Amino acid sequence: MKTKLLFLLSMFSAAAFAQSVNSYYGVDATAYTLFSSATALDQSADGTDQSWSFSGLTINGDVVDTNGTPTAGEVTSYPGTTFKSTTAGTENATATSSTIYAKEVAGTISVTGAVSDGLTLNYATDNAEVGTYPLAYGYTNTDAVAGTFNYTTYNGTFTGSLTTSIDAYGTLTLDPGPDNVNVVRLMTQQSLSLVYPGFGTVGTVTIDSYSYFEAGNNSPLFRTATTTMVVPLLSINQTKTRIEIMSSALSIGDVAKNLVQVTPNPMLDVLQIVNEGNVPVRSVRLFDVNGRMVGETTAASMDVSQLQKGIYFAMIATDYGTTTKKVVKQ
């Protein structure tokens, strides 16, 4: 329960995309490398012409963002939903997956629901409004949210607020990662009270999320989310920070990406990894369009004969970063 709820709520940093701010929708099949930090990142600086530098980060996983259209059943569960985004992969060698549902009405984006491994937050009572795009530096909006939550045998309600701000711009330096990149920052702050029937308010959750966008890209170059959760009924009292850097920015480079390929494409029964440049490949994970991991290998080939026809994404992790290839199963 602890890990799943923390991961689910941190998805707001991934879902509330903005870049100066043109679009809510991130680039499909964008891969991220996950990191941990021995010390808390200081992201308190806001305003104009800021300079952020984050170093001492340790890799602990990777995920890929997959965009899609909600099914009829999902629209019934989350009324008005027009878009969904799934982030899936591994963190500390454990599979992780989460989906955010959203709707767009006259350009205004609102979150309608969130699901992660049996845990559900449904914002049907009061959707979480992010904003009307495009946004601009200085934009801020606070919106009341309310709905229901479900986890295994636990069912209850929640109320709270979501604040979205385009609060800063400047340059960003990451180690590992790029130096002195011009970025605009999106900050979201969410505060929820969880209510369980017969017990009243059983806990609180607060999330501070930061997403840094390079000009011309609707997916963040760098994103973090710090979640503090206190639920005495479930013996939960902890804080977790999730740190993600876009994998394509982690020195794998265009040359290295071109040297690591998947073949054949379209694939039939076997997917081969062609490594013409002797780039050290650590693992290959295959995801479907819903973000579910359907295969994983450390070898140079993968049996895909059992897969249904359709589109998949191969996430290739190397010593120089992670790259994602789109493949088709015939």
C-alpha atoms as a PDB file:
ATOM      1  CA  MET A   1       0.000   0.000   0.000  1.00  0.00           C
ATOM      2  CA  LYS A   2       2.779   2.451   0.928  1.00  0.00           C
ATOM      3  CA  THR A   3       4.788   2.186  -2.278  1.00  0.00           C
ATOM      4  CA  LYS A   4       1.774   1.975  -4.581  1.00  0.00           C
ATOM      5  CA  LEU A   5       0.014   5.037  -3.177  1.00  0.00           C
ATOM      6  CA  LEU A   6       3.208   7.085  -3.163  1.00  0.00           C
ATOM      7  CA  PHE A   7       3.905   6.150  -6.786  1.00  0.00           C
ATOM      8  CA  LEU A   8       0.347   6.822  -7.881  1.00  0.00           C
ATOM      9  CA  LEU A   9       0.184  10.264  -6.335  1.00  0.00           C
ATOM     10  CA  SER A  10       3.615  11.211  -7.665  1.00  0.00           C
ATOM     11  CA  MET A  11       2.186  10.651 -11.159  1.00  0.00           C
ATOM     12  CA  PHE A  12       0.790  14.180 -11.024  1.00  0.00           C
ATOM     13  CA  SER A  13       4.300  15.419 -11.745  1.00  0.00           C
ATOM     14  CA  ALA A  14       4.298  13.242 -14.852  1.00  0.00           C
ATOM     15  CA  ALA A  15       0.760  14.043 -15.911  1.00  0.00           C
ATOM     16  CA  ALA A  16       0.703  17.810 -15.478  1.00  0.00           C
ATOM     17  CA  PHE A  17       2.918  18.512 -18.493  1.00  0.00           C
ATOM     18  CA  ALA A  18       3.709  22.073 -19.519  1.00  0.00           C
ATOM     19  CA  GLN A  19       6.338  23.950 -21.528  1.00  0.00           C
ATOM     20  CA  SER A  20       5.893  27.702 -21.613  1.00  0.00           C
ATOM     21  CA  VAL A  21       3.163  26.183 -21.696  1.00  0.00           C
ATOM     22  CA  ASN A  22       1.878  24.794 -24.983  1.00  0.00           C
ATOM     23  CA  SER A  23       0.311  21.410 -24.291  1.00  0.00           C
ATOM     24  CA  TYR A  24      -0.701  19.055 -21.517  1.00  0.00           C
ATOM     25  CA  TYR A  25       0.077  16.017 -23.634  1.00  0.00           C
ATOM     26  CA  GLY A  26       3.556  14.553 -23.376  1.00  0.00           C
ATOM     27  CA  VAL A  27       5.387  12.848 -26.225  1.00  0.00           C
ATOM     28  CA  ASP A  28       4.292   9.222 -26.587  1.00  0.00           C
ATOM     29  CA  ALA A  29       6.858   6.521 -25.716  1.00  0.00           C
ATOM     30  CA  THR A  30       9.162   8.904 -23.834  1.00  0.00           C
ATOM     31  CA  ALA A  31      11.558   6.934 -21.618  1.00  0.00           C
ATOM     32  CA  TYR A  32      12.829   8.086 -18.226  1.00  0.00           C
ATOM     33  CA  THR A  33      15.651   6.838 -16.040  1.00  0.00           C
ATOM     34  CA  LEU A  34      14.866   6.793 -12.313  1.00  0.00           C
ATOM     35  CA  PHE A  35      17.333   8.068  -9.719  1.00  0.00           C
ATOM     36  CA  SER A  36      17.741   8.348  -5.979  1.00  0.00           C
ATOM     37  CA  SER A  37      19.660  11.002  -4.057  1.00  0.00           C
ATOM     38  CA  ALA A  38      21.426  10.656  -0.714  1.00  0.00           C
ATOM     39  CA  THR A  39      20.477  14.251   0.122  1.00  0.00           C
ATOM     40  CA  ALA A  40      17.258  16.155  -0.530  1.00  0.00           C
ATOM     41  CA  LEU A  41      17.248  18.243  -3.711  1.00  0.00           C
ATOM     42  CA  ASP A  42      16.896  21.973  -3.045  1.00  0.00           C
ATOM     43  CA  GLN A  43      14.277  23.222  -5.512  1.00  0.00           C
ATOM     44  CA  SER A  44      13.147  26.216  -3.468  1.00  0.00           C
ATOM     45  CA  ALA A  45      14.461  28.826  -5.929  1.00  0.00           C
ATOM     46  CA  ASP A  46      11.660  30.264  -8.067  1.00  0.00           C
ATOM     47  CA  GLY A  47      11.104  33.287 -10.266  1.00  0.00           C
ATOM     48  CA  THR A  48      13.091  34.492 -13.269  1.00  0.00           C
ATOM     49  CA  ASP A  49      16.621  33.619 -14.423  1.00  0.00           C
ATOM     50  CA  GLN A  50      17.205  30.856 -11.897  1.00  0.00           C
ATOM     51  CA  SER A  51      20.104  28.386 -12.078  1.00  0.00           C
ATOM     52  CA  TRP A  52      19.432  24.846 -10.849  1.00  0.00           C
ATOM     53  CA  SER A  53      22.141  22.193 -10.519  1.00  0.00           C
ATOM     54  CA  PHE A  54      21.509  18.653  -9.268  1.00  0.00           C
ATOM     55  CA  SER A  55      24.245  16.034  -8.900  1.00  0.00           C
ATOM     56  CA  GLY A  56      25.150  12.917  -6.930  1.00  0.00           C
ATOM     57  CA  LEU A  57      22.246  10.931  -8.379  1.00  0.00           C
ATOM     58  CA  THR A  58      22.180   7.111  -8.431  1.00  0.00           C
ATOM     59  CA  ILE A  59      20.235   5.098 -11.039  1.00  0.00           C
ATOM     60  CA  ASN A  60      17.564   2.799  -9.580  1.00  0.00           C
ATOM     61  CA  GLY A  61      15.212   2.001 -12.485  1.00  0.00           C
ATOM     62  CA  ASP A  62      13.551   3.091 -15.696  1.00  0.00           C
ATOM     63  CA  VAL A  63      10.034   3.717 -16.992  1.00  0.00           C
ATOM     64  CA  VAL A  64       8.315   4.702 -20.231  1.00  0.00           C
ATOM     65  CA  ASP A  65       5.319   7.013 -20.733  1.00  0.00           C
ATOM     66  CA  THR A  66       2.613   5.671 -23.053  1.00  0.00           C
ATOM     67  CA  ASN A  67      -0.337   7.778 -24.214  1.00  0.00           C
ATOM     68  CA  GLY A  68      -3.673   6.304 -25.245  1.00  0.00           C
ATOM     69  CA  THR A  69      -7.410   6.659 -25.701  1.00  0.00           C
ATOM     70  CA  PRO A  70      -9.603   5.431 -22.821  1.00  0.00           C
ATOM     71  CA  THR A  71     -11.807   2.396 -23.351  1.00  0.00           C
ATOM     72  CA  ALA A  72     -15.591   2.593 -23.058  1.00  0.00           C
ATOM     73  CA  GLY A  73     -15.328   0.985 -19.623  1.00  0.00           C
ATOM     74  CA  GLU A  74     -12.777   3.541 -18.465  1.00  0.00           C
ATOM     75  CA  VAL A  75     -14.986   6.401 -19.649  1.00  0.00           C
ATOM     76  CA  THR A  76     -17.852   4.908 -17.645  1.00  0.00           C
ATOM     77  CA  SER A  77     -15.664   4.678 -14.541  1.00  0.00           C
ATOM     78  CA  TYR A  78     -14.189   8.152 -15.018  1.00  0.00           C
ATOM     79  CA  PRO A  79     -16.907  10.233 -16.720  1.00  0.00           C
ATOM     80  CA  GLY A  80     -15.745  12.641 -19.386  1.00  0.00           C
ATOM     81  CA  THR A  81     -12.277  11.127 -19.758  1.00  0.00           C
ATOM     82  CA  THR A  82     -10.718  11.789 -23.171  1.00  0.00           C
ATOM     83  CA  PHE A  83      -7.067  10.844 -22.582  1.00  0.00           C
ATOM     84  CA  LYS A  84      -4.933   8.503 -20.504  1.00  0.00           C
ATOM     85  CA  SER A  85      -1.220   8.239 -19.837  1.00  0.00           C
ATOM     86  CA  THR A  86       0.492   5.166 -18.419  1.00  0.00           C
ATOM     87  CA  THR A  87       3.973   5.154 -16.900  1.00  0.00           C
ATOM     88  CA  ALA A  88       5.442   1.676 -16.463  1.00  0.00           C
ATOM     89  CA  GLY A  89       8.793   0.027 -15.887  1.00  0.00           C
ATOM     90  CA  THR A  90      10.894  -1.027 -12.916  1.00  0.00           C
ATOM     91  CA  GLU A  91      12.089   0.684  -9.748  1.00  0.00           C
ATOM     92  CA  ASN A  92      14.655  -1.025  -7.537  1.00  0.00           C
ATOM     93  CA  ALA A  93      14.186  -4.195  -9.634  1.00  0.00           C
ATOM     94  CA  THR A  94      10.417  -4.245  -8.940  1.00  0.00           C
ATOM     95  CA  ALA A  95       7.766  -3.742 -11.628  1.00  0.00           C
ATOM     96  CA  THR A  96       5.845  -0.484 -11.296  1.00  0.00           C
ATOM     97  CA  SER A  97       2.925   0.910 -13.294  1.00  0.00           C
ATOM     98  CA  SER A  98       0.407   3.718 -12.985  1.00  0.00           C
ATOM     99  CA  THR A  99      -2.229   5.381 -15.175  1.00  0.00           C
ATOM    100  CA  ILE A 100      -3.615   8.906 -15.078  1.00  0.00           C
ATOM    101  CA  TYR A 101      -6.987   9.688 -16.695  1.00  0.00           C
ATOM    102  CA  ALA A 102      -7.829  13.221 -17.834  1.00  0.00           C
ATOM    103  CA  LYS A 103     -10.391  15.180 -19.813  1.00  0.00           C
ATOM    104  CA  GLU A 104     -10.197  18.267 -22.001  1.00  0.00           C
ATOM    105  CA  VAL A 105     -13.111  20.688 -22.323  1.00  0.00           C
ATOM    106  CA  ALA A 106     -12.576  23.868 -24.380  1.00  0.00           C
ATOM    107  CA  GLY A 107      -8.843  23.587 -23.770  1.00  0.00           C
ATOM    108  CA  THR A 108      -9.166  23.111 -20.009  1.00  0.00           C
ATOM    109  CA  ILE A 109      -7.445  19.982 -18.671  1.00  0.00           C
ATOM    110  CA  SER A 110      -8.726  18.178 -15.567  1.00  0.00           C
ATOM    111  CA  VAL A 111      -7.627  14.907 -13.979  1.00  0.00           C
ATOM    112  CA  THR A 112     -10.522  12.452 -13.639  1.00  0.00           C
ATOM    113  CA  GLY A 113      -8.833   9.403 -12.130  1.00  0.00           C
ATOM    114  CA  ALA A 114      -5.666   7.516 -11.271  1.00  0.00           C
ATOM    115  CA  VAL A 115      -5.005   3.772 -10.987  1.00  0.00           C
ATOM    116  CA  SER A 116      -2.007   1.759  -9.799  1.00  0.00           C
ATOM    117  CA  ASP A 117      -1.905  -2.002  -9.127  1.00  0.00           C
ATOM    118  CA  GLY A 118      -5.343  -2.276  -7.530  1.00  0.00           C
ATOM    119  CA  LEU A 119      -5.329   1.201  -5.981  1.00  0.00           C
ATOM    120  CA  THR A 120      -7.814   3.698  -7.445  1.00  0.00           C
ATOM    121  CA  LEU A 121      -8.455   7.404  -6.968  1.00  0.00           C
ATOM    122  CA  ASN A 122     -11.627   8.574  -8.717  1.00  0.00           C
ATOM    123  CA  TYR A 123     -12.109  12.355  -8.928  1.00  0.00           C
ATOM    124  CA  ALA A 124     -15.735  12.051 -10.076  1.00  0.00           C
ATOM    125  CA  THR A 125     -17.063  14.284  -7.282  1.00  0.00           C
ATOM    126  CA  ASP A 126     -14.772  17.186  -8.166  1.00  0.00           C
ATOM    127  CA  ASN A 127     -12.177  16.788 -10.928  1.00  0.00           C
ATOM    128  CA  ALA A 128      -8.672  18.179 -10.413  1.00  0.00           C
ATOM    129  CA  GLU A 129      -8.407  21.114 -12.818  1.00  0.00           C
ATOM    130  CA  VAL A 130      -4.863  21.710 -14.082  1.00  0.00           C
ATOM    131  CA  GLY A 131      -5.525  24.677 -16.373  1.00  0.00           C
ATOM    132  CA  THR A 132      -6.475  25.999 -19.803  1.00  0.00           C
ATOM    133  CA  TYR A 133      -3.674  25.662 -22.320  1.00  0.00           C
ATOM    134  CA  PRO A 134      -1.501  27.344 -23.412  1.00  0.00           C
ATOM    135  CA  LEU A 135      -0.260  28.667 -20.051  1.00  0.00           C
ATOM    136  CA  ALA A 136       2.415  31.293 -19.370  1.00  0.00           C
ATOM    137  CA  TYR A 137       5.018  32.076 -16.733  1.00  0.00           C
ATOM    138  CA  GLY A 138       3.228  33.496 -13.700  1.00  0.00           C
ATOM    139  CA  TYR A 139       0.159  31.286 -14.147  1.00  0.00           C
ATOM    140  CA  THR A 140      -1.238  29.795 -10.945  1.00  0.00           C
ATOM    141  CA  ASN A 141      -4.492  28.001 -10.164  1.00  0.00           C
ATOM    142  CA  THR A 142      -5.831  26.295  -7.042  1.00  0.00           C
ATOM    143  CA  ASP A 143      -8.728  23.889  -7.488  1.00  0.00           C
ATOM    144  CA  ALA A 144     -10.744  21.889  -4.957  1.00  0.00           C
ATOM    145  CA  VAL A 145     -10.766  18.114  -5.550  1.00  0.00           C
ATOM    146  CA  ALA A 146     -12.938  15.305  -4.185  1.00  0.00           C
ATOM    147  CA  GLY A 147     -13.828  11.724  -4.945  1.00  0.00           C
ATOM    148  CA  THR A 148     -13.471   8.129  -3.847  1.00  0.00           C
ATOM    149  CA  PHE A 149     -10.535   5.834  -3.206  1.00  0.00           C
ATOM    150  CA  ASN A 150     -10.317   2.050  -3.256  1.00  0.00           C
ATOM    151  CA  TYR A 151      -7.596  -0.371  -2.238  1.00  0.00           C
ATOM    152  CA  THR A 152      -8.362  -4.098  -1.784  1.00  0.00           C
ATOM    153  CA  THR A 153     -11.018  -4.086   0.981  1.00  0.00           C
ATOM    154  CA  TYR A 154     -10.616  -0.394   1.798  1.00  0.00           C
ATOM    155  CA  ASN A 155     -13.136   2.033   0.283  1.00  0.00           C
ATOM    156  CA  GLY A 156     -13.524   5.656   1.254  1.00  0.00           C
ATOM    157  CA  THR A 157     -13.610   9.249   0.104  1.00  0.00           C
ATOM    158  CA  PHE A 158     -11.111  12.060  -0.166  1.00  0.00           C
ATOM    159  CA  THR A 159     -11.164  15.852  -0.359  1.00  0.00           C
ATOM    160  CA  GLY A 160      -8.423  18.375  -0.895  1.00  0.00           C
ATOM    161  CA  SER A 161      -6.875  20.758  -3.384  1.00  0.00           C
ATOM    162  CA  LEU A 162      -4.480  20.885  -6.336  1.00  0.00           C
ATOM    163  CA  THR A 163      -2.392  23.993  -7.034  1.00  0.00           C
ATOM    164  CA  THR A 164      -0.686  24.321 -10.424  1.00  0.00           C
ATOM    165  CA  SER A 165       1.887  27.056 -11.104  1.00  0.00           C
ATOM    166  CA  ILE A 166       4.358  28.008 -13.810  1.00  0.00           C
ATOM    167  CA  ASP A 167       6.621  29.424 -11.148  1.00  0.00           C
ATOM    168  CA  ALA A 168      10.123  29.744 -12.604  1.00  0.00           C
ATOM    169  CA  TYR A 169      12.457  29.678 -15.569  1.00  0.00           C
ATOM    170  CA  GLY A 170      16.223  29.589 -15.986  1.00  0.00           C
ATOM    171  CA  THR A 171      18.988  27.058 -16.667  1.00  0.00           C
ATOM    172  CA  LEU A 172      19.230  23.444 -15.517  1.00  0.00           C
ATOM    173  CA  THR A 173      22.372  21.327 -15.046  1.00  0.00           C
ATOM    174  CA  LEU A 174      22.153  17.617 -14.225  1.00  0.00           C
ATOM    175  CA  ASP A 175      24.904  15.157 -13.281  1.00  0.00           C
ATOM    176  CA  PRO A 176      24.472  12.755 -14.906  1.00  0.00           C
ATOM    177  CA  GLY A 177      22.824  14.676 -17.718  1.00  0.00           C
ATOM    178  CA  PRO A 178      23.062  17.871 -19.762  1.00  0.00           C
ATOM    179  CA  ASP A 179      24.548  21.235 -18.733  1.00  0.00           C
ATOM    180  CA  ASN A 180      22.967  24.703 -18.748  1.00  0.00           C
ATOM    181  CA  VAL A 181      19.725  23.836 -20.531  1.00  0.00           C
ATOM    182  CA  ASN A 182      17.135  26.613 -20.768  1.00  0.00           C
ATOM    183  CA  VAL A 183      13.972  25.395 -19.037  1.00  0.00           C
ATOM    184  CA  VAL A 184      10.580  26.509 -17.748  1.00  0.00           C
ATOM    185  CA  ARG A 185       9.299  24.908 -14.536  1.00  0.00           C
ATOM    186  CA  LEU A 186       5.845  23.615 -13.683  1.00  0.00           C
ATOM    187  CA  MET A 187       5.096  23.136  -9.985  1.00  0.00           C
ATOM    188  CA  THR A 188       2.090  21.238  -8.613  1.00  0.00           C
ATOM    189  CA  GLN A 189       1.103  20.924  -4.971  1.00  0.00           C
ATOM    190  CA  GLN A 190      -1.623  18.515  -3.929  1.00  0.00           C
ATOM    191  CA  SER A 191      -3.094  18.050  -0.453  1.00  0.00           C
ATOM    192  CA  LEU A 192      -5.617  15.286   0.292  1.00  0.00           C
ATOM    193  CA  SER A 193      -7.543  14.111   3.344  1.00  0.00           C
ATOM    194  CA  LEU A 194      -8.577  10.435   3.279  1.00  0.00           C
ATOM    195  CA  VAL A 195     -11.877   9.496   4.939  1.00  0.00           C
ATOM    196  CA  TYR A 196     -12.824   5.910   5.814  1.00  0.00           C
ATOM    197  CA  PRO A 197     -16.447   5.062   6.776  1.00  0.00           C
ATOM    198  CA  GLY A 198     -16.863   4.754  10.528  1.00  0.00           C
ATOM    199  CA  PHE A 199     -13.412   6.213  11.218  1.00  0.00           C
ATOM    200  CA  GLY A 200     -13.639   9.709   9.758  1.00  0.00           C
ATOM    201  CA  THR A 201     -10.416  11.209   8.443  1.00  0.00           C
ATOM    202  CA  VAL A 202      -7.797   8.449   8.586  1.00  0.00           C
ATOM    203  CA  GLY A 203      -4.865  10.177   6.934  1.00  0.00           C
ATOM    204  CA  THR A 204      -3.372  12.985   4.906  1.00  0.00           C
ATOM    205  CA  VAL A 205      -1.216  13.159   1.813  1.00  0.00           C
ATOM    206  CA  THR A 206       0.818  16.080   0.475  1.00  0.00           C
ATOM    207  CA  ILE A 207       2.741  16.068  -2.806  1.00  0.00           C
ATOM    208  CA  ASP A 208       5.211  18.660  -4.101  1.00  0.00           C
ATOM    209  CA  SER A 209       6.022  18.080  -7.775  1.00  0.00           C
ATOM    210  CA  TYR A 210       8.402  19.883 -10.132  1.00  0.00           C
ATOM    211  CA  SER A 211       8.722  19.394 -13.897  1.00  0.00           C
ATOM    212  CA  TYR A 212      11.376  21.179 -15.981  1.00  0.00           C
ATOM    213  CA  PHE A 213      10.683  21.621 -19.698  1.00  0.00           C
ATOM    214  CA  GLU A 214      13.096  22.436 -22.490  1.00  0.00           C
ATOM    215  CA  ALA A 215      11.688  24.647 -25.260  1.00  0.00           C
ATOM    216  CA  GLY A 216       9.991  22.663 -28.007  1.00  0.00           C
ATOM    217  CA  ASN A 217       9.362  19.509 -25.969  1.00  0.00           C
ATOM    218  CA  ASN A 218       6.009  18.716 -24.335  1.00  0.00           C
ATOM    219  CA  SER A 219       7.591  16.076 -22.083  1.00  0.00           C
ATOM    220  CA  PRO A 220       9.705  17.250 -19.134  1.00  0.00           C
ATOM    221  CA  LEU A 221      13.466  16.878 -19.316  1.00  0.00           C
ATOM    222  CA  PHE A 222      13.571  16.444 -15.538  1.00  0.00           C
ATOM    223  CA  ARG A 223      10.799  15.774 -13.031  1.00  0.00           C
ATOM    224  CA  THR A 224      10.549  15.063  -9.320  1.00  0.00           C
ATOM    225  CA  ALA A 225       7.788  14.415  -6.797  1.00  0.00           C
ATOM    226  CA  THR A 226       8.079  14.366  -3.013  1.00  0.00           C
ATOM    227  CA  THR A 227       5.148  12.711  -1.258  1.00  0.00           C
ATOM    228  CA  THR A 228       4.517  12.776   2.475  1.00  0.00           C
ATOM    229  CA  MET A 229       1.849  10.370   3.697  1.00  0.00           C
ATOM    230  CA  VAL A 230       0.467   9.849   7.186  1.00  0.00           C
ATOM    231  CA  VAL A 231      -2.208   7.129   7.567  1.00  0.00           C
ATOM    232  CA  PRO A 232      -2.159   5.804  11.167  1.00  0.00           C
ATOM    233  CA  LEU A 233      -4.909   3.248  10.431  1.00  0.00           C
ATOM    234  CA  LEU A 234      -2.527   1.527   7.990  1.00  0.00           C
ATOM    235  CA  SER A 235       0.626   2.273  10.022  1.00  0.00           C
ATOM    236  CA  ILE A 236       1.945   4.567   7.291  1.00  0.00           C
ATOM    237  CA  ASN A 237       4.146   7.555   8.104  1.00  0.00           C
ATOM    238  CA  GLN A 238       6.762   8.228   5.482  1.00  0.00           C
ATOM    239  CA  THR A 239       8.177  10.508   2.820  1.00  0.00           C
ATOM    240  CA  LYS A 240       9.406   9.439  -0.607  1.00  0.00           C
ATOM    241  CA  THR A 241      11.022  11.397  -3.434  1.00  0.00           C
ATOM    242  CA  ARG A 242      10.880  10.203  -7.026  1.00  0.00           C
ATOM    243  CA  ILE A 243      13.520  11.615  -9.419  1.00  0.00           C
ATOM    244  CA  GLU A 244      13.371  11.100 -13.199  1.00  0.00           C
ATOM    245  CA  ILE A 245      15.563  12.294 -16.079  1.00  0.00           C
ATOM    246  CA  MET A 246      14.556  11.873 -19.711  1.00  0.00           C
ATOM    247  CA  SER A 247      16.670   8.936 -20.854  1.00  0.00           C
ATOM    248  CA  SER A 248      17.565  10.502 -24.198  1.00  0.00           C
ATOM    249  CA  ALA A 249      19.416  13.254 -22.295  1.00  0.00           C
ATOM    250  CA  LEU A 250      21.718  10.811 -20.493  1.00  0.00           C
ATOM    251  CA  SER A 251      24.657  10.698 -22.890  1.00  0.00           C
ATOM    252  CA  ILE A 252      23.547   7.710 -24.930  1.00  0.00           C
ATOM    253  CA  GLY A 253      23.693  10.163 -27.854  1.00  0.00           C
ATOM    254  CA  ASP A 254      22.302   9.916 -31.354  1.00  0.00           C
ATOM    255  CA  VAL A 255      25.205   7.772 -32.551  1.00  0.00           C
ATOM    256  CA  ALA A 256      24.816   5.202 -29.764  1.00  0.00           C
ATOM    257  CA  LYS A 257      21.024   5.117 -30.218  1.00  0.00           C
ATOM    258  CA  ASN A 258      21.470   4.406 -33.909  1.00  0.00           C
ATOM    259  CA  LEU A 259      23.929   1.598 -33.179  1.00  0.00           C
ATOM    260  CA  VAL A 260      21.464  -0.272 -30.925  1.00  0.00           C
ATOM    261  CA  GLN A 261      18.467  -1.456 -32.948  1.00  0.00           C
ATOM    262  CA  VAL A 262      15.643  -3.995 -32.777  1.00  0.00           C
ATOM    263  CA  THR A 263      14.945  -6.310 -35.694  1.00  0.00           C
ATOM    264  CA  PRO A 264      12.922  -7.452 -37.519  1.00  0.00           C
ATOM    265  CA  ASN A 265      10.384  -4.669 -37.397  1.00  0.00           C
ATOM    266  CA  PRO A 266       7.617  -5.731 -37.885  1.00  0.00           C
ATOM    267  CA  MET A 267       8.484  -8.750 -35.751  1.00  0.00           C
ATOM    268  CA  LEU A 268       7.008 -12.245 -35.917  1.00  0.00           C
ATOM    269  CA  ASP A 269       8.140 -14.776 -33.288  1.00  0.00           C
ATOM    270  CA  VAL A 270      11.524 -13.438 -32.164  1.00  0.00           C
ATOM    271  CA  LEU A 271      12.785  -9.927 -31.451  1.00  0.00           C
ATOM    272  CA  GLN A 272      16.518  -9.477 -31.998  1.00  0.00           C
ATOM    273  CA  ILE A 273      18.758  -6.798 -30.505  1.00  0.00           C
ATOM    274  CA  VAL A 274      21.359  -5.650 -33.029  1.00  0.00           C
ATOM    275  CA  ASN A 275      24.320  -3.951 -31.358  1.00  0.00           C
ATOM    276  CA  GLU A 276      26.613  -2.717 -34.105  1.00  0.00           C
ATOM    277  CA  GLY A 277      28.591  -0.345 -31.895  1.00  0.00           C
ATOM    278  CA  ASN A 278      29.375  -2.698 -28.992  1.00  0.00           C
ATOM    279  CA  VAL A 279      27.307  -0.494 -26.676  1.00  0.00           C
ATOM    280  CA  PRO A 280      26.910  -2.376 -23.347  1.00  0.00           C
ATOM    281  CA  VAL A 281      23.224  -3.397 -23.122  1.00  0.00           C
ATOM    282  CA  ARG A 282      21.997  -4.191 -19.596  1.00  0.00           C
ATOM    283  CA  SER A 283      18.409  -5.205 -20.327  1.00  0.00           C
ATOM    284  CA  VAL A 284      15.533  -5.030 -22.795  1.00  0.00           C
ATOM    285  CA  ARG A 285      11.932  -4.620 -21.613  1.00  0.00           C
ATOM    286  CA  LEU A 286       8.910  -4.799 -23.903  1.00  0.00           C
ATOM    287  CA  PHE A 287       5.710  -2.839 -23.135  1.00  0.00           C
ATOM    288  CA  ASP A 288       2.297  -2.829 -24.780  1.00  0.00           C
ATOM    289  CA  VAL A 289       0.363   0.356 -25.593  1.00  0.00           C
ATOM    290  CA  ASN A 290      -1.272   0.260 -22.136  1.00  0.00           C
ATOM    291  CA  GLY A 291       2.124   0.401 -20.443  1.00  0.00           C
ATOM    292  CA  ARG A 292       2.107  -3.228 -19.267  1.00  0.00           C
ATOM    293  CA  MET A 293       5.476  -4.965 -19.372  1.00  0.00           C
ATOM    294  CA  VAL A 294       5.004  -8.084 -21.514  1.00  0.00           C
ATOM    295  CA  GLY A 295       8.596  -9.257 -21.804  1.00  0.00           C
ATOM    296  CA  GLU A 296      12.063  -8.775 -20.354  1.00  0.00           C
ATOM    297  CA  THR A 297      15.495 -10.165 -21.195  1.00  0.00           C
ATOM    298  CA  THR A 298      19.198  -9.579 -20.735  1.00  0.00           C
ATOM    299  CA  ALA A 299      19.942 -11.695 -23.816  1.00  0.00           C
ATOM    300  CA  ALA A 300      20.263 -10.599 -27.441  1.00  0.00           C
ATOM    301  CA  SER A 301      16.842 -11.977 -28.397  1.00  0.00           C
ATOM    302  CA  MET A 302      13.326 -12.303 -26.984  1.00  0.00           C
ATOM    303  CA  ASP A 303      10.548 -14.788 -27.753  1.00  0.00           C
ATOM    304  CA  VAL A 304       7.464 -12.771 -28.763  1.00  0.00           C
ATOM    305  CA  SER A 305       5.451 -15.572 -30.358  1.00  0.00           C
ATOM    306  CA  GLN A 306       2.811 -15.436 -27.609  1.00  0.00           C
ATOM    307  CA  LEU A 307       2.058 -11.739 -28.091  1.00  0.00           C
ATOM    308  CA  GLN A 308      -1.009 -10.400 -29.866  1.00  0.00           C
ATOM    309  CA  LYS A 309      -0.626  -8.371 -33.054  1.00  0.00           C
ATOM    310  CA  GLY A 310      -0.160  -4.679 -32.411  1.00  0.00           C
ATOM    311  CA  ILE A 311       2.240  -1.922 -31.385  1.00  0.00           C
ATOM    312  CA  TYR A 312       4.835  -2.357 -28.634  1.00  0.00           C
ATOM    313  CA  PHE A 313       7.719  -0.364 -27.178  1.00  0.00           C
ATOM    314  CA  ALA A 314      11.153  -1.888 -26.526  1.00  0.00           C
ATOM    315  CA  MET A 315      13.007  -0.087 -23.716  1.00  0.00           C
ATOM    316  CA  ILE A 316      16.736  -0.767 -24.100  1.00  0.00           C
ATOM    317  CA  ALA A 317      18.872   0.061 -21.048  1.00  0.00           C
ATOM    318  CA  THR A 318      22.589   0.566 -21.723  1.00  0.00           C
ATOM    319  CA  ASP A 319      25.551   1.730 -19.684  1.00  0.00           C
ATOM    320  CA  TYR A 320      25.047   5.151 -21.286  1.00  0.00           C
ATOM    321  CA  GLY A 321      21.330   5.558 -20.695  1.00  0.00           C
ATOM    322  CA  THR A 322      18.021   4.185 -21.938  1.00  0.00           C
ATOM    323  CA  THR A 323      16.442   4.435 -25.374  1.00  0.00           C
ATOM    324  CA  THR A 324      13.001   3.309 -26.542  1.00  0.00           C
ATOM    325  CA  LYS A 325      12.168   1.753 -29.924  1.00  0.00           C
ATOM    326  CA  LYS A 326       8.653   1.374 -31.336  1.00  0.00           C
ATOM    327  CA  VAL A 327       8.035  -2.098 -32.803  1.00  0.00           C
ATOM    328  CA  VAL A 328       5.087  -3.812 -34.478  1.00  0.00           C
ATOM    329  CA  LYS A 329       4.029  -7.448 -33.939  1.00  0.00           C
ATOM    330  CA  GLN A 330       2.512  -9.106 -37.019  1.00  0.00           C
END
